[in-house]
Amino acid sequence: MARQHSDVVVATIFVNPLQFGAGEDLDAYPRTLGEDQSKLEAAGCDLLFTPSNAMLYPDGLEAHTRVIVPEVSQGLCGASRPGHFEGVATVVTMLFNLVQPDIACFGEKDYQQLAVIRKLTADLHLPIDIIGASTVRNDDGLALSSRNGYLDEAQRAKAPALYRTLCRARDALENGMQSSDVIHQALESLTAAHFKPDYFELRRAHDLGPVTDTTRNARLLAAAHLGTTRLIDNIPISLPVS
């Protein structure tokens, strides 16, 4: 997508310690730089920027200036992972300053992250166009994610149930079913499929605020643990006129 919109494409790979909380999987997080580099070369990437912790945080994390994006960072993954989006907003602002892009592409799979980045770019008057890239999925519907590598064979076979549950909920909502009933059924379905749900929510698409009677463009967002692996996913929804 970046290649479609620009003459020079820069990609950044950096496992950012500032967005991992205590007890999270920073040390175990998949690091596949060689494989990633080969894929980027094949896709026509011009420059790969792989900064070190020492380069970005020379005085350590505690002493580093933070960027906080209010409201849109609250709830959903922001509630489950305190400080996560502060770390995301801080490092993305730094990377924007270092790379000086005209456009930046972010995947819709991390939809709350995309919303946070859009707001910080607007609020700080950064001259960057933010483009959301549609979620890439396996043939069975599972959203591609680095954390899928944590799943064992049995869990991998169960994992697409998260996307199927989102799709069933979307269809029910678009047919006029009450959102509270839809969400209750979705949570029961995930539990029956051996997930431990974190959240399953309907939000406004543009700012992730609560839906109202006038909301038409919305987003269904879900997070759930399958074993020790936390999976997230979301899909767009067009709400009917009430």
Protein backbone atom coordinates (compact mmCIF):
# COMPACT_ATOMS: atom_id res chain seq x y z
CA MET A 1 0.00 0.00 0.00
CA ALA A 2 2.84 2.39 0.79
CA ARG A 3 4.33 1.69 -2.64
CA GLN A 4 1.01 2.62 -4.27
CA HIS A 5 1.06 6.02 -2.60
CA SER A 6 4.71 7.05 -2.68
CA ASP A 7 8.00 7.04 -4.58
CA VAL A 8 10.18 6.01 -1.63
CA VAL A 9 9.08 3.50 1.01
CA VAL A 10 10.63 3.29 4.47
CA ALA A 11 9.68 0.52 6.91
CA THR A 12 10.53 0.43 10.59
CA ILE A 13 10.95 -2.69 12.70
CA PHE A 14 11.37 -2.04 16.40
CA VAL A 15 10.08 -4.05 19.35
CA ASN A 16 9.27 -1.10 21.58
CA PRO A 17 9.82 -1.80 25.29
CA LEU A 18 7.85 1.30 26.28
CA GLN A 19 4.56 -0.24 25.13
CA PHE A 20 4.98 -3.51 27.04
CA GLY A 21 3.70 -3.62 30.60
CA ALA A 22 4.95 -5.61 33.56
CA GLY A 23 4.47 -9.34 33.00
CA GLU A 24 3.87 -8.96 29.26
CA ASP A 25 5.77 -10.81 26.54
CA LEU A 26 8.55 -8.34 25.68
CA ASP A 27 11.34 -10.90 26.04
CA ALA A 28 9.45 -13.64 24.20
CA TYR A 29 7.94 -11.42 21.48
CA PRO A 30 8.74 -12.88 18.01
CA ARG A 31 11.79 -11.29 16.40
CA THR A 32 12.24 -12.47 12.80
CA LEU A 33 14.36 -9.70 11.30
CA GLY A 34 15.95 -11.78 8.53
CA GLU A 35 12.63 -13.13 7.32
CA ASP A 36 11.03 -9.69 7.60
CA GLN A 37 13.84 -8.09 5.63
CA SER A 38 13.46 -10.61 2.80
CA LYS A 39 9.73 -9.96 2.59
CA LEU A 40 10.24 -6.20 2.56
CA GLU A 41 12.81 -6.48 -0.24
CA ALA A 42 10.40 -8.59 -2.27
CA ALA A 43 7.64 -6.02 -1.71
CA GLY A 44 9.82 -3.16 -2.99
CA CYS A 45 10.76 -1.46 0.26
CA ASP A 46 13.59 1.05 -0.24
CA LEU A 47 14.84 1.47 3.32
CA LEU A 48 14.50 -0.57 6.49
CA PHE A 49 15.09 1.37 9.72
CA THR A 50 15.84 -0.88 12.71
CA PRO A 51 16.82 1.38 15.62
CA SER A 52 18.16 0.03 18.89
CA ASN A 53 16.81 0.75 22.37
CA ALA A 54 19.95 2.78 23.08
CA MET A 55 19.35 4.93 20.01
CA LEU A 56 15.75 5.79 20.85
CA TYR A 57 15.99 5.76 24.66
CA PRO A 58 19.58 6.80 25.46
CA ASP A 59 18.69 7.80 29.03
CA GLY A 60 16.43 4.83 29.68
CA LEU A 61 12.65 4.51 29.68
CA GLU A 62 11.85 6.17 33.01
CA ALA A 63 13.51 9.48 32.07
CA HIS A 64 12.05 9.64 28.59
CA THR A 65 9.44 12.20 27.50
CA ARG A 66 6.01 10.61 26.88
CA VAL A 67 3.20 11.37 24.43
CA ILE A 68 -0.32 10.79 25.77
CA VAL A 69 -3.38 10.67 23.52
CA PRO A 70 -6.53 11.10 25.66
CA GLU A 71 -9.95 9.53 25.19
CA VAL A 72 -9.29 7.25 22.25
CA SER A 73 -6.59 5.46 24.26
CA GLN A 74 -9.11 4.62 26.99
CA GLY A 75 -10.97 1.31 27.21
CA LEU A 76 -10.57 -1.74 24.98
CA CYS A 77 -6.85 -2.61 24.85
CA GLY A 78 -6.10 0.58 26.77
CA ALA A 79 -7.95 -0.83 29.77
CA SER A 80 -6.33 -4.25 29.52
CA ARG A 81 -2.83 -2.92 28.90
CA PRO A 82 -2.28 0.24 30.99
CA GLY A 83 0.40 2.47 29.48
CA HIS A 84 0.44 0.57 26.19
CA PHE A 85 -0.83 3.38 24.01
CA GLU A 86 1.36 5.91 25.76
CA GLY A 87 4.28 3.79 24.58
CA VAL A 88 2.82 3.49 21.09
CA ALA A 89 2.16 7.22 20.77
CA THR A 90 5.61 8.12 22.06
CA VAL A 91 7.57 5.84 19.75
CA VAL A 92 5.45 6.63 16.68
CA THR A 93 5.96 10.36 17.25
CA MET A 94 9.70 9.75 17.51
CA LEU A 95 9.74 7.63 14.34
CA PHE A 96 7.73 10.25 12.46
CA ASN A 97 10.26 12.88 13.49
CA LEU A 98 13.22 10.72 12.48
CA VAL A 99 11.83 9.53 9.13
CA GLN A 100 9.83 12.65 8.16
CA PRO A 101 7.28 10.76 6.03
CA ASP A 102 4.59 12.34 3.87
CA ILE A 103 2.27 9.40 4.44
CA ALA A 104 2.24 6.52 6.91
CA CYS A 105 0.41 3.21 6.59
CA PHE A 106 -0.90 1.30 9.60
CA GLY A 107 -2.92 -1.90 9.62
CA GLU A 108 -6.56 -1.91 10.67
CA LYS A 109 -6.02 -5.13 12.63
CA ASP A 110 -4.75 -2.93 15.48
CA TYR A 111 -7.70 -0.58 15.05
CA GLN A 112 -7.41 1.27 18.35
CA GLN A 113 -3.73 1.86 17.63
CA LEU A 114 -4.67 3.29 14.23
CA ALA A 115 -7.21 5.60 15.89
CA VAL A 116 -4.62 6.75 18.42
CA ILE A 117 -2.11 7.54 15.67
CA ARG A 118 -4.70 9.43 13.63
CA LYS A 119 -5.61 11.58 16.64
CA LEU A 120 -2.04 12.35 17.66
CA THR A 121 -1.19 13.29 14.05
CA ALA A 122 -4.17 15.64 13.90
CA ASP A 123 -3.73 17.09 17.39
CA LEU A 124 0.00 17.78 16.92
CA HIS A 125 -0.55 19.17 13.40
CA LEU A 126 1.92 16.73 11.89
CA PRO A 127 2.01 17.06 8.07
CA ILE A 128 1.46 13.34 7.52
CA ASP A 129 -1.44 11.53 5.88
CA ILE A 130 -2.37 8.38 7.82
CA ILE A 131 -3.62 5.52 5.65
CA GLY A 132 -5.32 2.48 7.17
CA ALA A 133 -4.53 -0.84 5.50
CA SER A 134 -7.19 -3.56 5.55
CA THR A 135 -6.51 -6.52 7.82
CA VAL A 136 -4.71 -9.36 6.05
CA ARG A 137 -6.12 -12.79 6.88
CA ASN A 138 -5.31 -16.44 6.43
CA ASP A 139 -7.67 -18.46 4.25
CA ASP A 140 -9.61 -19.51 7.37
CA GLY A 141 -10.13 -15.88 8.43
CA LEU A 142 -7.55 -15.60 11.20
CA ALA A 143 -5.97 -12.13 11.15
CA LEU A 144 -2.23 -12.25 10.54
CA SER A 145 -0.26 -11.38 13.66
CA SER A 146 3.19 -11.97 15.07
CA ARG A 147 1.54 -13.52 18.13
CA ASN A 148 -0.06 -16.27 16.04
CA GLY A 149 3.34 -17.94 16.29
CA TYR A 150 2.60 -18.65 19.97
CA LEU A 151 -0.35 -20.92 19.10
CA ASP A 152 0.14 -24.67 19.15
CA GLU A 153 -1.50 -26.81 16.48
CA ALA A 154 -4.74 -27.36 18.38
CA GLN A 155 -5.04 -23.68 19.32
CA ARG A 156 -4.31 -22.60 15.75
CA ALA A 157 -7.24 -24.72 14.58
CA LYS A 158 -9.56 -23.00 17.09
CA ALA A 159 -8.28 -19.46 16.57
CA PRO A 160 -10.44 -18.54 13.51
CA ALA A 161 -13.52 -18.76 15.77
CA LEU A 162 -12.74 -15.20 16.88
CA TYR A 163 -13.28 -13.85 13.37
CA ARG A 164 -16.33 -16.04 12.79
CA THR A 165 -17.88 -14.72 16.00
CA LEU A 166 -17.30 -11.15 14.88
CA CYS A 167 -18.92 -11.88 11.52
CA ARG A 168 -22.00 -13.48 13.11
CA ALA A 169 -22.34 -10.52 15.47
CA ARG A 170 -22.04 -8.07 12.57
CA ASP A 171 -24.77 -9.88 10.64
CA ALA A 172 -27.07 -9.89 13.66
CA LEU A 173 -26.54 -6.19 14.33
CA GLU A 174 -27.07 -5.24 10.70
CA ASN A 175 -30.36 -7.18 10.84
CA GLY A 176 -31.53 -5.06 13.76
CA MET A 177 -30.78 -7.27 16.77
CA GLN A 178 -30.15 -5.44 20.03
CA SER A 179 -26.45 -4.86 20.65
CA SER A 180 -26.59 -6.07 24.26
CA ASP A 181 -28.05 -9.40 23.13
CA VAL A 182 -25.53 -9.73 20.32
CA ILE A 183 -22.58 -9.07 22.61
CA HIS A 184 -23.89 -11.50 25.23
CA GLN A 185 -24.20 -14.24 22.61
CA ALA A 186 -20.75 -13.46 21.22
CA LEU A 187 -19.11 -13.74 24.63
CA GLU A 188 -20.87 -17.04 25.26
CA SER A 189 -19.76 -18.31 21.85
CA LEU A 190 -16.12 -17.40 22.48
CA THR A 191 -16.18 -19.07 25.88
CA ALA A 192 -17.67 -22.21 24.36
CA ALA A 193 -14.84 -22.17 21.78
CA HIS A 194 -12.27 -22.27 24.64
CA PHE A 195 -11.39 -18.58 24.52
CA LYS A 196 -11.14 -16.38 27.60
CA PRO A 197 -12.74 -13.14 26.37
CA ASP A 198 -11.16 -9.84 27.30
CA TYR A 199 -13.67 -7.58 25.57
CA PHE A 200 -16.21 -7.64 22.76
CA GLU A 201 -17.52 -4.15 22.02
CA LEU A 202 -19.32 -2.02 19.47
CA ARG A 203 -17.86 1.47 18.99
CA ARG A 204 -18.07 4.39 16.58
CA ALA A 205 -15.62 3.85 13.75
CA HIS A 206 -14.05 7.30 13.55
CA ASP A 207 -13.15 7.88 17.20
CA LEU A 208 -14.09 4.67 19.07
CA GLY A 209 -16.64 6.55 21.13
CA PRO A 210 -19.94 4.94 22.19
CA VAL A 211 -22.51 4.39 19.46
CA THR A 212 -25.70 6.44 19.46
CA ASP A 213 -28.99 6.27 17.60
CA THR A 214 -27.42 8.31 14.79
CA THR A 215 -24.28 6.15 14.42
CA ARG A 216 -24.06 4.35 11.09
CA ASN A 217 -20.38 3.58 10.63
CA ALA A 218 -19.23 1.45 13.54
CA ARG A 219 -16.62 -1.11 14.45
CA LEU A 220 -16.89 -4.39 16.30
CA LEU A 221 -13.72 -5.02 18.29
CA ALA A 222 -12.71 -8.08 20.25
CA ALA A 223 -9.81 -9.40 22.29
CA ALA A 224 -9.57 -12.83 23.85
CA HIS A 225 -6.97 -15.22 25.20
CA LEU A 226 -6.55 -18.64 23.66
CA GLY A 227 -4.30 -20.44 26.07
CA THR A 228 -1.64 -17.88 26.94
CA THR A 229 -1.94 -16.04 23.60
CA ARG A 230 -3.92 -12.80 23.44
CA LEU A 231 -5.59 -12.34 20.05
CA ILE A 232 -7.31 -9.17 18.83
CA ASP A 233 -9.50 -8.56 15.80
CA ASN A 234 -12.15 -6.17 14.51
CA ILE A 235 -14.48 -5.65 11.56
CA PRO A 236 -16.46 -2.71 10.16
CA ILE A 237 -20.23 -2.61 10.49
CA SER A 238 -22.99 -0.47 9.00
CA LEU A 239 -25.68 0.00 11.61
CA PRO A 240 -29.28 0.19 10.39
CA VAL A 241 -31.50 3.21 10.86
CA SER A 242 -33.41 2.70 14.10
